[in-house]
PDB file of N, CA and C in Angstrom:
ATOM      1  N   MET A   1     152.733 -19.456 -84.212  1.00  0.00           N
ATOM      2  CA  MET A   1     152.007 -18.544 -83.451  1.00  0.00           C
ATOM      3  C   MET A   1     152.840 -16.963 -83.760  1.00  0.00           C
ATOM      4  N   THR A   2     152.631 -16.073 -84.389  1.00  0.00           N
ATOM      5  CA  THR A   2     153.323 -14.686 -84.330  1.00  0.00           C
ATOM      6  C   THR A   2     152.979 -14.240 -83.302  1.00  0.00           C
ATOM      7  N   SER A   3     153.855 -13.164 -82.482  1.00  0.00           N
ATOM      8  CA  SER A   3     153.554 -12.746 -81.828  1.00  0.00           C
ATOM      9  C   SER A   3     153.046 -11.199 -81.986  1.00  0.00           C
ATOM     10  N   PRO A   4     152.196 -10.571 -81.156  1.00  0.00           N
ATOM     11  CA  PRO A   4     151.399  -9.620 -81.698  1.00  0.00           C
ATOM     12  C   PRO A   4     152.371  -8.164 -81.024  1.00  0.00           C
ATOM     13  N   LEU A   5     153.324  -8.526 -80.876  1.00  0.00           N
ATOM     14  CA  LEU A   5     154.511  -7.268 -80.369  1.00  0.00           C
ATOM     15  C   LEU A   5     155.230  -7.053 -81.593  1.00  0.00           C
ATOM     16  N   ASP A   6     155.775  -5.751 -81.473  1.00  0.00           N
ATOM     17  CA  ASP A   6     156.548  -5.704 -82.678  1.00  0.00           C
ATOM     18  C   ASP A   6     158.054  -6.403 -82.581  1.00  0.00           C
ATOM     19  N   THR A   7     158.371  -6.645 -83.377  1.00  0.00           N
ATOM     20  CA  THR A   7     159.860  -7.577 -83.532  1.00  0.00           C
ATOM     21  C   THR A   7     160.802  -6.361 -82.933  1.00  0.00           C
ATOM     22  N   ASN A   8     160.464  -5.183 -83.354  1.00  0.00           N
ATOM     23  CA  ASN A   8     161.896  -4.528 -82.531  1.00  0.00           C
ATOM     24  C   ASN A   8     162.008  -4.203 -80.965  1.00  0.00           C
ATOM     25  N   GLU A   9     160.414  -4.657 -80.341  1.00  0.00           N
ATOM     26  CA  GLU A   9     160.244  -4.856 -78.733  1.00  0.00           C
ATOM     27  C   GLU A   9     160.718  -6.063 -78.056  1.00  0.00           C
ATOM     28  N   THR A  10     160.262  -7.058 -79.271  1.00  0.00           N
ATOM     29  CA  THR A  10     160.923  -8.233 -78.872  1.00  0.00           C
ATOM     30  C   THR A  10     162.603  -8.290 -78.833  1.00  0.00           C
ATOM     31  N   ALA A  11     163.214  -7.656 -79.843  1.00  0.00           N
ATOM     32  CA  ALA A  11     164.779  -7.757 -80.099  1.00  0.00           C
ATOM     33  C   ALA A  11     165.289  -6.832 -78.722  1.00  0.00           C
ATOM     34  N   LEU A  12     164.311  -5.725 -78.683  1.00  0.00           N
ATOM     35  CA  LEU A  12     165.312  -4.993 -77.351  1.00  0.00           C
ATOM     36  C   LEU A  12     165.295  -5.684 -75.855  1.00  0.00           C
ATOM     37  N   LEU A  13     164.214  -6.600 -75.765  1.00  0.00           N
ATOM     38  CA  LEU A  13     163.941  -7.063 -74.711  1.00  0.00           C
ATOM     39  C   LEU A  13     165.014  -8.306 -74.506  1.00  0.00           C
ATOM     40  N   ALA A  14     165.532  -9.278 -75.763  1.00  0.00           N
ATOM     41  CA  ALA A  14     166.258  -9.997 -75.451  1.00  0.00           C
ATOM     42  C   ALA A  14     167.426  -9.487 -75.544  1.00  0.00           C
ATOM     43  N   ASN A  15     167.873  -8.309 -75.903  1.00  0.00           N
ATOM     44  CA  ASN A  15     169.124  -7.519 -76.075  1.00  0.00           C
ATOM     45  C   ASN A  15     169.507  -7.272 -74.913  1.00  0.00           C
ATOM     46  N   CYS A  16     168.343  -6.754 -73.666  1.00  0.00           N
ATOM     47  CA  CYS A  16     168.439  -6.245 -72.578  1.00  0.00           C
ATOM     48  C   CYS A  16     169.164  -7.600 -71.342  1.00  0.00           C
ATOM     49  N   TYR A  17     168.466  -8.737 -71.890  1.00  0.00           N
ATOM     50  CA  TYR A  17     169.446  -9.892 -71.181  1.00  0.00           C
ATOM     51  C   TYR A  17     170.629 -10.126 -71.626  1.00  0.00           C
ATOM     52  N   THR A  18     170.751 -10.305 -73.090  1.00  0.00           N
ATOM     53  CA  THR A  18     172.185 -10.714 -73.817  1.00  0.00           C
ATOM     54  C   THR A  18     173.411  -9.529 -73.115  1.00  0.00           C
ATOM     55  N   ASN A  19     172.930  -7.971 -73.058  1.00  0.00           N
ATOM     56  CA  ASN A  19     173.874  -7.092 -72.493  1.00  0.00           C
ATOM     57  C   ASN A  19     174.331  -7.135 -71.269  1.00  0.00           C
ATOM     58  N   SER A  20     173.360  -7.617 -70.331  1.00  0.00           N
ATOM     59  CA  SER A  20     173.344  -7.861 -69.078  1.00  0.00           C
ATOM     60  C   SER A  20     174.329  -9.101 -68.812  1.00  0.00           C
ATOM     61  N   LEU A  21     174.287 -10.184 -69.482  1.00  0.00           N
ATOM     62  CA  LEU A  21     175.193 -11.323 -69.207  1.00  0.00           C
ATOM     63  C   LEU A  21     176.309 -10.663 -69.831  1.00  0.00           C
ATOM     64  N   LYS A  22     176.724  -9.904 -70.997  1.00  0.00           N
ATOM     65  CA  LYS A  22     177.854  -9.848 -71.234  1.00  0.00           C
ATOM     66  C   LYS A  22     178.464  -8.790 -70.291  1.00  0.00           C
ATOM     67  N   LEU A  23     177.908  -7.991 -69.580  1.00  0.00           N
ATOM     68  CA  LEU A  23     178.441  -7.052 -68.628  1.00  0.00           C
ATOM     69  C   LEU A  23     178.740  -7.684 -67.256  1.00  0.00           C
ATOM     70  N   ALA A  24     178.143  -8.819 -67.077  1.00  0.00           N
ATOM     71  CA  ALA A  24     178.373  -9.447 -65.446  1.00  0.00           C
ATOM     72  C   ALA A  24     179.569 -10.437 -66.354  1.00  0.00           C
ATOM     73  N   VAL A  25     179.845 -10.789 -67.196  1.00  0.00           N
ATOM     74  CA  VAL A  25     181.222 -11.374 -67.719  1.00  0.00           C
ATOM     75  C   VAL A  25     182.136 -10.607 -67.946  1.00  0.00           C
ATOM     76  N   ASP A  26     181.977  -9.260 -68.391  1.00  0.00           N
ATOM     77  CA  ASP A  26     183.274  -8.343 -68.585  1.00  0.00           C
ATOM     78  C   ASP A  26     183.743  -7.834 -66.751  1.00  0.00           C
ATOM     79  N   HIS A  27     182.593  -7.799 -65.789  1.00  0.00           N
ATOM     80  CA  HIS A  27     182.918  -7.512 -64.788  1.00  0.00           C
ATOM     81  C   HIS A  27     183.331  -8.721 -63.712  1.00  0.00           C
ATOM     82  N   ARG A  28     183.199  -9.961 -64.379  1.00  0.00           N
ATOM     83  CA  ARG A  28     183.920 -11.096 -63.698  1.00  0.00           C
ATOM     84  C   ARG A  28     183.130 -11.496 -62.763  1.00  0.00           C
ATOM     85  N   CYS A  29     181.715 -11.192 -62.807  1.00  0.00           N
ATOM     86  CA  CYS A  29     180.776 -12.112 -62.188  1.00  0.00           C
ATOM     87  C   CYS A  29     180.146 -13.465 -62.386  1.00  0.00           C
ATOM     88  N   ASN A  30     180.321 -14.280 -61.741  1.00  0.00           N
ATOM     89  CA  ASN A  30     179.763 -15.698 -61.359  1.00  0.00           C
ATOM     90  C   ASN A  30     178.490 -15.952 -61.937  1.00  0.00           C
ATOM     91  N   SER A  31     177.670 -15.069 -61.422  1.00  0.00           N
ATOM     92  CA  SER A  31     176.346 -15.474 -61.504  1.00  0.00           C
ATOM     93  C   SER A  31     175.598 -13.851 -61.489  1.00  0.00           C
ATOM     94  N   ILE A  32     174.451 -14.101 -62.004  1.00  0.00           N
ATOM     95  CA  ILE A  32     173.276 -12.868 -62.146  1.00  0.00           C
ATOM     96  C   ILE A  32     171.885 -13.136 -61.925  1.00  0.00           C
ATOM     97  N   ALA A  33     171.132 -11.903 -61.401  1.00  0.00           N
ATOM     98  CA  ALA A  33     169.715 -11.990 -61.230  1.00  0.00           C
ATOM     99  C   ALA A  33     169.296 -11.353 -61.908  1.00  0.00           C
ATOM    100  N   PHE A  34     167.892 -11.787 -62.522  1.00  0.00           N
ATOM    101  CA  PHE A  34     167.186 -10.896 -63.002  1.00  0.00           C
ATOM    102  C   PHE A  34     165.853 -10.934 -62.827  1.00  0.00           C
ATOM    103  N   PRO A  35     164.888  -9.850 -62.804  1.00  0.00           N
ATOM    104  CA  PRO A  35     163.594  -9.606 -62.468  1.00  0.00           C
ATOM    105  C   PRO A  35     163.002  -9.606 -64.081  1.00  0.00           C
ATOM    106  N   ASN A  36     161.492  -9.618 -63.809  1.00  0.00           N
ATOM    107  CA  ASN A  36     160.713  -9.817 -65.237  1.00  0.00           C
ATOM    108  C   ASN A  36     161.130  -8.689 -65.457  1.00  0.00           C
ATOM    109  N   ILE A  37     161.967  -8.521 -66.538  1.00  0.00           N
ATOM    110  CA  ILE A  37     162.110  -7.094 -67.000  1.00  0.00           C
ATOM    111  C   ILE A  37     160.974  -6.673 -68.083  1.00  0.00           C
ATOM    112  N   SER A  38     160.543  -5.382 -67.756  1.00  0.00           N
ATOM    113  CA  SER A  38     159.532  -4.818 -68.701  1.00  0.00           C
ATOM    114  C   SER A  38     158.220  -5.287 -68.645  1.00  0.00           C
ATOM    115  N   THR A  39     157.650  -6.056 -67.734  1.00  0.00           N
ATOM    116  CA  THR A  39     156.658  -6.505 -67.687  1.00  0.00           C
ATOM    117  C   THR A  39     155.777  -6.293 -66.601  1.00  0.00           C
ATOM    118  N   GLY A  40     156.379  -5.248 -65.840  1.00  0.00           N
ATOM    119  CA  GLY A  40     155.379  -4.182 -65.000  1.00  0.00           C
ATOM    120  C   GLY A  40     154.815  -3.124 -65.583  1.00  0.00           C
ATOM    121  N   VAL A  41     155.397  -1.927 -65.353  1.00  0.00           N
ATOM    122  CA  VAL A  41     154.850  -0.551 -65.790  1.00  0.00           C
ATOM    123  C   VAL A  41     154.792  -0.493 -67.254  1.00  0.00           C
ATOM    124  N   TYR A  42     155.800  -1.246 -67.913  1.00  0.00           N
ATOM    125  CA  TYR A  42     155.838  -1.303 -69.831  1.00  0.00           C
ATOM    126  C   TYR A  42     154.626  -2.245 -70.197  1.00  0.00           C
ATOM    127  N   ARG A  43     154.277  -3.290 -69.259  1.00  0.00           N
ATOM    128  CA  ARG A  43     153.269  -4.105 -69.541  1.00  0.00           C
ATOM    129  C   ARG A  43     153.672  -5.249 -70.840  1.00  0.00           C
ATOM    130  N   PHE A  44     154.557  -5.534 -70.955  1.00  0.00           N
ATOM    131  CA  PHE A  44     155.341  -6.512 -71.877  1.00  0.00           C
ATOM    132  C   PHE A  44     154.674  -7.930 -71.495  1.00  0.00           C
ATOM    133  N   PRO A  45     153.842  -8.576 -72.191  1.00  0.00           N
ATOM    134  CA  PRO A  45     153.063  -9.698 -72.080  1.00  0.00           C
ATOM    135  C   PRO A  45     154.051 -10.535 -71.580  1.00  0.00           C
ATOM    136  N   LYS A  46     153.748 -11.271 -70.298  1.00  0.00           N
ATOM    137  CA  LYS A  46     154.415 -12.027 -69.080  1.00  0.00           C
ATOM    138  C   LYS A  46     154.706 -13.232 -69.911  1.00  0.00           C
ATOM    139  N   ALA A  47     154.010 -14.055 -70.790  1.00  0.00           N
ATOM    140  CA  ALA A  47     154.303 -14.873 -71.479  1.00  0.00           C
ATOM    141  C   ALA A  47     155.567 -15.034 -72.290  1.00  0.00           C
ATOM    142  N   GLU A  48     155.111 -13.829 -73.065  1.00  0.00           N
ATOM    143  CA  GLU A  48     156.089 -13.819 -74.263  1.00  0.00           C
ATOM    144  C   GLU A  48     157.685 -13.298 -73.403  1.00  0.00           C
ATOM    145  N   ALA A  49     157.645 -12.526 -72.436  1.00  0.00           N
ATOM    146  CA  ALA A  49     158.621 -12.248 -71.671  1.00  0.00           C
ATOM    147  C   ALA A  49     159.462 -13.264 -71.377  1.00  0.00           C
ATOM    148  N   ALA A  50     158.817 -14.635 -70.751  1.00  0.00           N
ATOM    149  CA  ALA A  50     159.791 -15.423 -70.171  1.00  0.00           C
ATOM    150  C   ALA A  50     160.286 -16.419 -71.184  1.00  0.00           C
ATOM    151  N   LYS A  51     159.370 -16.566 -72.356  1.00  0.00           N
ATOM    152  CA  LYS A  51     160.105 -17.108 -73.671  1.00  0.00           C
ATOM    153  C   LYS A  51     161.477 -16.416 -73.914  1.00  0.00           C
ATOM    154  N   ILE A  52     161.461 -15.075 -74.234  1.00  0.00           N
ATOM    155  CA  ILE A  52     162.240 -14.426 -74.329  1.00  0.00           C
ATOM    156  C   ILE A  52     163.292 -14.409 -73.415  1.00  0.00           C
ATOM    157  N   ALA A  53     163.376 -14.330 -72.397  1.00  0.00           N
ATOM    158  CA  ALA A  53     164.625 -14.344 -71.333  1.00  0.00           C
ATOM    159  C   ALA A  53     164.986 -15.645 -71.186  1.00  0.00           C
ATOM    160  N   VAL A  54     164.080 -16.839 -71.208  1.00  0.00           N
ATOM    161  CA  VAL A  54     165.017 -17.864 -71.066  1.00  0.00           C
ATOM    162  C   VAL A  54     165.483 -18.381 -72.445  1.00  0.00           C
ATOM    163  N   ALA A  55     165.235 -18.125 -73.336  1.00  0.00           N
ATOM    164  CA  ALA A  55     165.652 -18.071 -74.760  1.00  0.00           C
ATOM    165  C   ALA A  55     167.227 -17.209 -74.738  1.00  0.00           C
ATOM    166  N   ALA A  56     167.046 -16.050 -74.748  1.00  0.00           N
ATOM    167  CA  ALA A  56     168.244 -15.222 -74.645  1.00  0.00           C
ATOM    168  C   ALA A  56     169.401 -15.812 -73.640  1.00  0.00           C
ATOM    169  N   THR A  57     168.860 -15.887 -72.585  1.00  0.00           N
ATOM    170  CA  THR A  57     169.998 -16.605 -71.361  1.00  0.00           C
ATOM    171  C   THR A  57     170.362 -18.101 -71.864  1.00  0.00           C
ATOM    172  N   ARG A  58     169.809 -18.722 -72.519  1.00  0.00           N
ATOM    173  CA  ARG A  58     170.236 -20.068 -72.881  1.00  0.00           C
ATOM    174  C   ARG A  58     171.183 -19.844 -73.830  1.00  0.00           C
ATOM    175  N   LYS A  59     170.771 -19.129 -75.054  1.00  0.00           N
ATOM    176  CA  LYS A  59     171.889 -18.731 -76.211  1.00  0.00           C
ATOM    177  C   LYS A  59     173.078 -18.591 -76.048  1.00  0.00           C
ATOM    178  N   PHE A  60     172.930 -17.265 -74.926  1.00  0.00           N
ATOM    179  CA  PHE A  60     174.678 -16.863 -74.338  1.00  0.00           C
ATOM    180  C   PHE A  60     175.109 -17.631 -73.533  1.00  0.00           C
ATOM    181  N   LEU A  61     174.528 -18.485 -72.580  1.00  0.00           N
ATOM    182  CA  LEU A  61     175.093 -19.498 -72.070  1.00  0.00           C
ATOM    183  C   LEU A  61     175.738 -20.488 -72.830  1.00  0.00           C
ATOM    184  N   ALA A  62     174.896 -21.096 -73.848  1.00  0.00           N
ATOM    185  CA  ALA A  62     175.697 -22.017 -74.674  1.00  0.00           C
ATOM    186  C   ALA A  62     176.507 -21.636 -75.592  1.00  0.00           C
ATOM    187  N   GLU A  63     176.806 -20.197 -75.907  1.00  0.00           N
ATOM    188  CA  GLU A  63     177.817 -19.424 -76.663  1.00  0.00           C
ATOM    189  C   GLU A  63     179.419 -19.053 -75.487  1.00  0.00           C
ATOM    190  N   ASN A  64     178.797 -18.898 -74.588  1.00  0.00           N
ATOM    191  CA  ASN A  64     180.006 -18.308 -73.312  1.00  0.00           C
ATOM    192  C   ASN A  64     180.216 -19.555 -72.444  1.00  0.00           C
ATOM    193  N   VAL A  65     180.488 -20.577 -72.676  1.00  0.00           N
ATOM    194  CA  VAL A  65     180.358 -21.663 -71.780  1.00  0.00           C
ATOM    195  C   VAL A  65     181.083 -21.594 -70.431  1.00  0.00           C
ATOM    196  N   HIS A  66     180.996 -21.859 -69.457  1.00  0.00           N
ATOM    197  CA  HIS A  66     181.856 -21.404 -68.092  1.00  0.00           C
ATOM    198  C   HIS A  66     181.922 -19.822 -67.701  1.00  0.00           C
ATOM    199  N   GLN A  67     181.509 -19.023 -68.495  1.00  0.00           N
ATOM    200  CA  GLN A  67     181.426 -17.865 -67.927  1.00  0.00           C
ATOM    201  C   GLN A  67     180.607 -17.323 -66.879  1.00  0.00           C
ATOM    202  N   ILE A  68     179.871 -17.811 -66.781  1.00  0.00           N
ATOM    203  CA  ILE A  68     178.377 -17.928 -66.048  1.00  0.00           C
ATOM    204  C   ILE A  68     177.970 -19.101 -65.210  1.00  0.00           C
ATOM    205  N   GLU A  69     178.046 -18.963 -64.079  1.00  0.00           N
ATOM    206  CA  GLU A  69     177.721 -20.322 -63.055  1.00  0.00           C
ATOM    207  C   GLU A  69     176.261 -20.399 -62.673  1.00  0.00           C
ATOM    208  N   LYS A  70     175.629 -19.167 -62.339  1.00  0.00           N
ATOM    209  CA  LYS A  70     174.289 -19.484 -62.098  1.00  0.00           C
ATOM    210  C   LYS A  70     173.526 -18.108 -62.515  1.00  0.00           C
ATOM    211  N   VAL A  71     172.271 -18.489 -62.943  1.00  0.00           N
ATOM    212  CA  VAL A  71     171.402 -17.292 -63.503  1.00  0.00           C
ATOM    213  C   VAL A  71     170.026 -17.362 -62.924  1.00  0.00           C
ATOM    214  N   ILE A  72     169.486 -16.277 -61.703  1.00  0.00           N
ATOM    215  CA  ILE A  72     168.255 -16.666 -61.146  1.00  0.00           C
ATOM    216  C   ILE A  72     167.574 -15.546 -61.963  1.00  0.00           C
ATOM    217  N   PHE A  73     166.258 -16.028 -61.877  1.00  0.00           N
ATOM    218  CA  PHE A  73     165.164 -15.125 -62.556  1.00  0.00           C
ATOM    219  C   PHE A  73     164.330 -15.300 -61.320  1.00  0.00           C
ATOM    220  N   VAL A  74     164.102 -13.849 -60.617  1.00  0.00           N
ATOM    221  CA  VAL A  74     163.410 -13.396 -59.721  1.00  0.00           C
ATOM    222  C   VAL A  74     161.981 -13.046 -60.352  1.00  0.00           C
ATOM    223  N   CYS A  75     161.125 -13.698 -59.767  1.00  0.00           N
ATOM    224  CA  CYS A  75     159.583 -13.775 -60.274  1.00  0.00           C
ATOM    225  C   CYS A  75     158.736 -12.523 -59.023  1.00  0.00           C
ATOM    226  N   PHE A  76     157.843 -12.000 -59.194  1.00  0.00           N
ATOM    227  CA  PHE A  76     156.922 -11.234 -58.518  1.00  0.00           C
ATOM    228  C   PHE A  76     156.077 -11.551 -57.900  1.00  0.00           C
ATOM    229  N   ASP A  77     155.551 -12.567 -58.722  1.00  0.00           N
ATOM    230  CA  ASP A  77     154.223 -13.334 -58.692  1.00  0.00           C
ATOM    231  C   ASP A  77     154.375 -14.547 -59.393  1.00  0.00           C
ATOM    232  N   GLU A  78     153.001 -15.503 -59.009  1.00  0.00           N
ATOM    233  CA  GLU A  78     152.794 -16.771 -59.072  1.00  0.00           C
ATOM    234  C   GLU A  78     153.038 -16.784 -60.645  1.00  0.00           C
ATOM    235  N   VAL A  79     152.141 -16.261 -61.114  1.00  0.00           N
ATOM    236  CA  VAL A  79     151.859 -16.194 -63.033  1.00  0.00           C
ATOM    237  C   VAL A  79     153.282 -16.187 -63.496  1.00  0.00           C
ATOM    238  N   SER A  80     154.402 -15.323 -63.301  1.00  0.00           N
ATOM    239  CA  SER A  80     155.497 -15.273 -63.408  1.00  0.00           C
ATOM    240  C   SER A  80     156.563 -16.291 -63.743  1.00  0.00           C
ATOM    241  N   GLU A  81     156.238 -16.734 -61.976  1.00  0.00           N
ATOM    242  CA  GLU A  81     157.359 -18.096 -62.226  1.00  0.00           C
ATOM    243  C   GLU A  81     156.771 -19.085 -62.725  1.00  0.00           C
ATOM    244  N   ARG A  82     155.435 -19.296 -62.824  1.00  0.00           N
ATOM    245  CA  ARG A  82     155.023 -20.637 -63.822  1.00  0.00           C
ATOM    246  C   ARG A  82     155.534 -20.392 -65.043  1.00  0.00           C
ATOM    247  N   LEU A  83     155.232 -19.305 -65.587  1.00  0.00           N
ATOM    248  CA  LEU A  83     155.634 -19.207 -67.211  1.00  0.00           C
ATOM    249  C   LEU A  83     157.136 -19.036 -66.969  1.00  0.00           C
ATOM    250  N   ILE A  84     157.857 -18.731 -66.059  1.00  0.00           N
ATOM    251  CA  ILE A  84     159.801 -18.882 -66.117  1.00  0.00           C
ATOM    252  C   ILE A  84     159.986 -20.540 -66.181  1.00  0.00           C
ATOM    253  N   LEU A  85     158.958 -21.126 -65.080  1.00  0.00           N
ATOM    254  CA  LEU A  85     159.595 -22.434 -64.821  1.00  0.00           C
ATOM    255  C   LEU A  85     158.978 -23.556 -66.370  1.00  0.00           C
ATOM    256  N   ARG A  86     158.256 -22.970 -66.877  1.00  0.00           N
ATOM    257  CA  ARG A  86     157.718 -23.804 -68.172  1.00  0.00           C
ATOM    258  C   ARG A  86     158.344 -23.171 -69.095  1.00  0.00           C
ATOM    259  N   GLU A  87     159.330 -22.540 -69.319  1.00  0.00           N
ATOM    260  CA  GLU A  87     160.004 -22.173 -70.622  1.00  0.00           C
ATOM    261  C   GLU A  87     161.608 -22.911 -70.006  1.00  0.00           C
ATOM    262  N   VAL A  88     161.900 -23.065 -68.885  1.00  0.00           N
ATOM    263  CA  VAL A  88     163.015 -23.571 -67.977  1.00  0.00           C
ATOM    264  C   VAL A  88     162.957 -24.782 -68.881  1.00  0.00           C
ATOM    265  N   GLU A  89     161.828 -25.610 -68.268  1.00  0.00           N
ATOM    266  CA  GLU A  89     161.509 -27.135 -68.282  1.00  0.00           C
ATOM    267  C   GLU A  89     161.573 -27.431 -70.115  1.00  0.00           C
ATOM    268  N   ARG A  90     160.872 -26.318 -70.563  1.00  0.00           N
ATOM    269  CA  ARG A  90     161.084 -26.830 -72.344  1.00  0.00           C
ATOM    270  C   ARG A  90     162.372 -26.543 -72.940  1.00  0.00           C
ATOM    271  N   VAL A  91     163.144 -26.084 -72.393  1.00  0.00           N
ATOM    272  CA  VAL A  91     164.422 -26.169 -72.953  1.00  0.00           C
ATOM    273  C   VAL A  91     165.198 -27.131 -72.496  1.00  0.00           C
ATOM    274  N   LYS A  92     164.943 -27.684 -71.544  1.00  0.00           N
ATOM    275  CA  LYS A  92     165.665 -29.151 -70.968  1.00  0.00           C
ATOM    276  C   LYS A  92     165.286 -30.203 -71.896  1.00  0.00           C
ATOM    277  N   GLU A  93     164.465 -30.126 -72.493  1.00  0.00           N
ATOM    278  CA  GLU A  93     163.820 -31.137 -73.366  1.00  0.00           C
ATOM    279  C   GLU A  93     164.614 -31.343 -74.832  1.00  0.00           C
TER     280      GLU A  93
END
């Protein structure tokens, strides 16, 4: 299924996660916490945002082993929490 979102919007959101992780590594941080980026005022669809957040984070961690020890996804509502947990479970399989 294709996303109704512009591919540029999707890439920009993925880059937010990737660049934040790069900055964390550059500043020798071993953990990072992310809110639900762009799902509030910008109304990025929460399900799509959860997929992008987890996929971008997973990709970065796989390519930068032992750089970040802990990633926390801060969810402001139960819907976002369920979506993030679903995506995390999906990547474990």
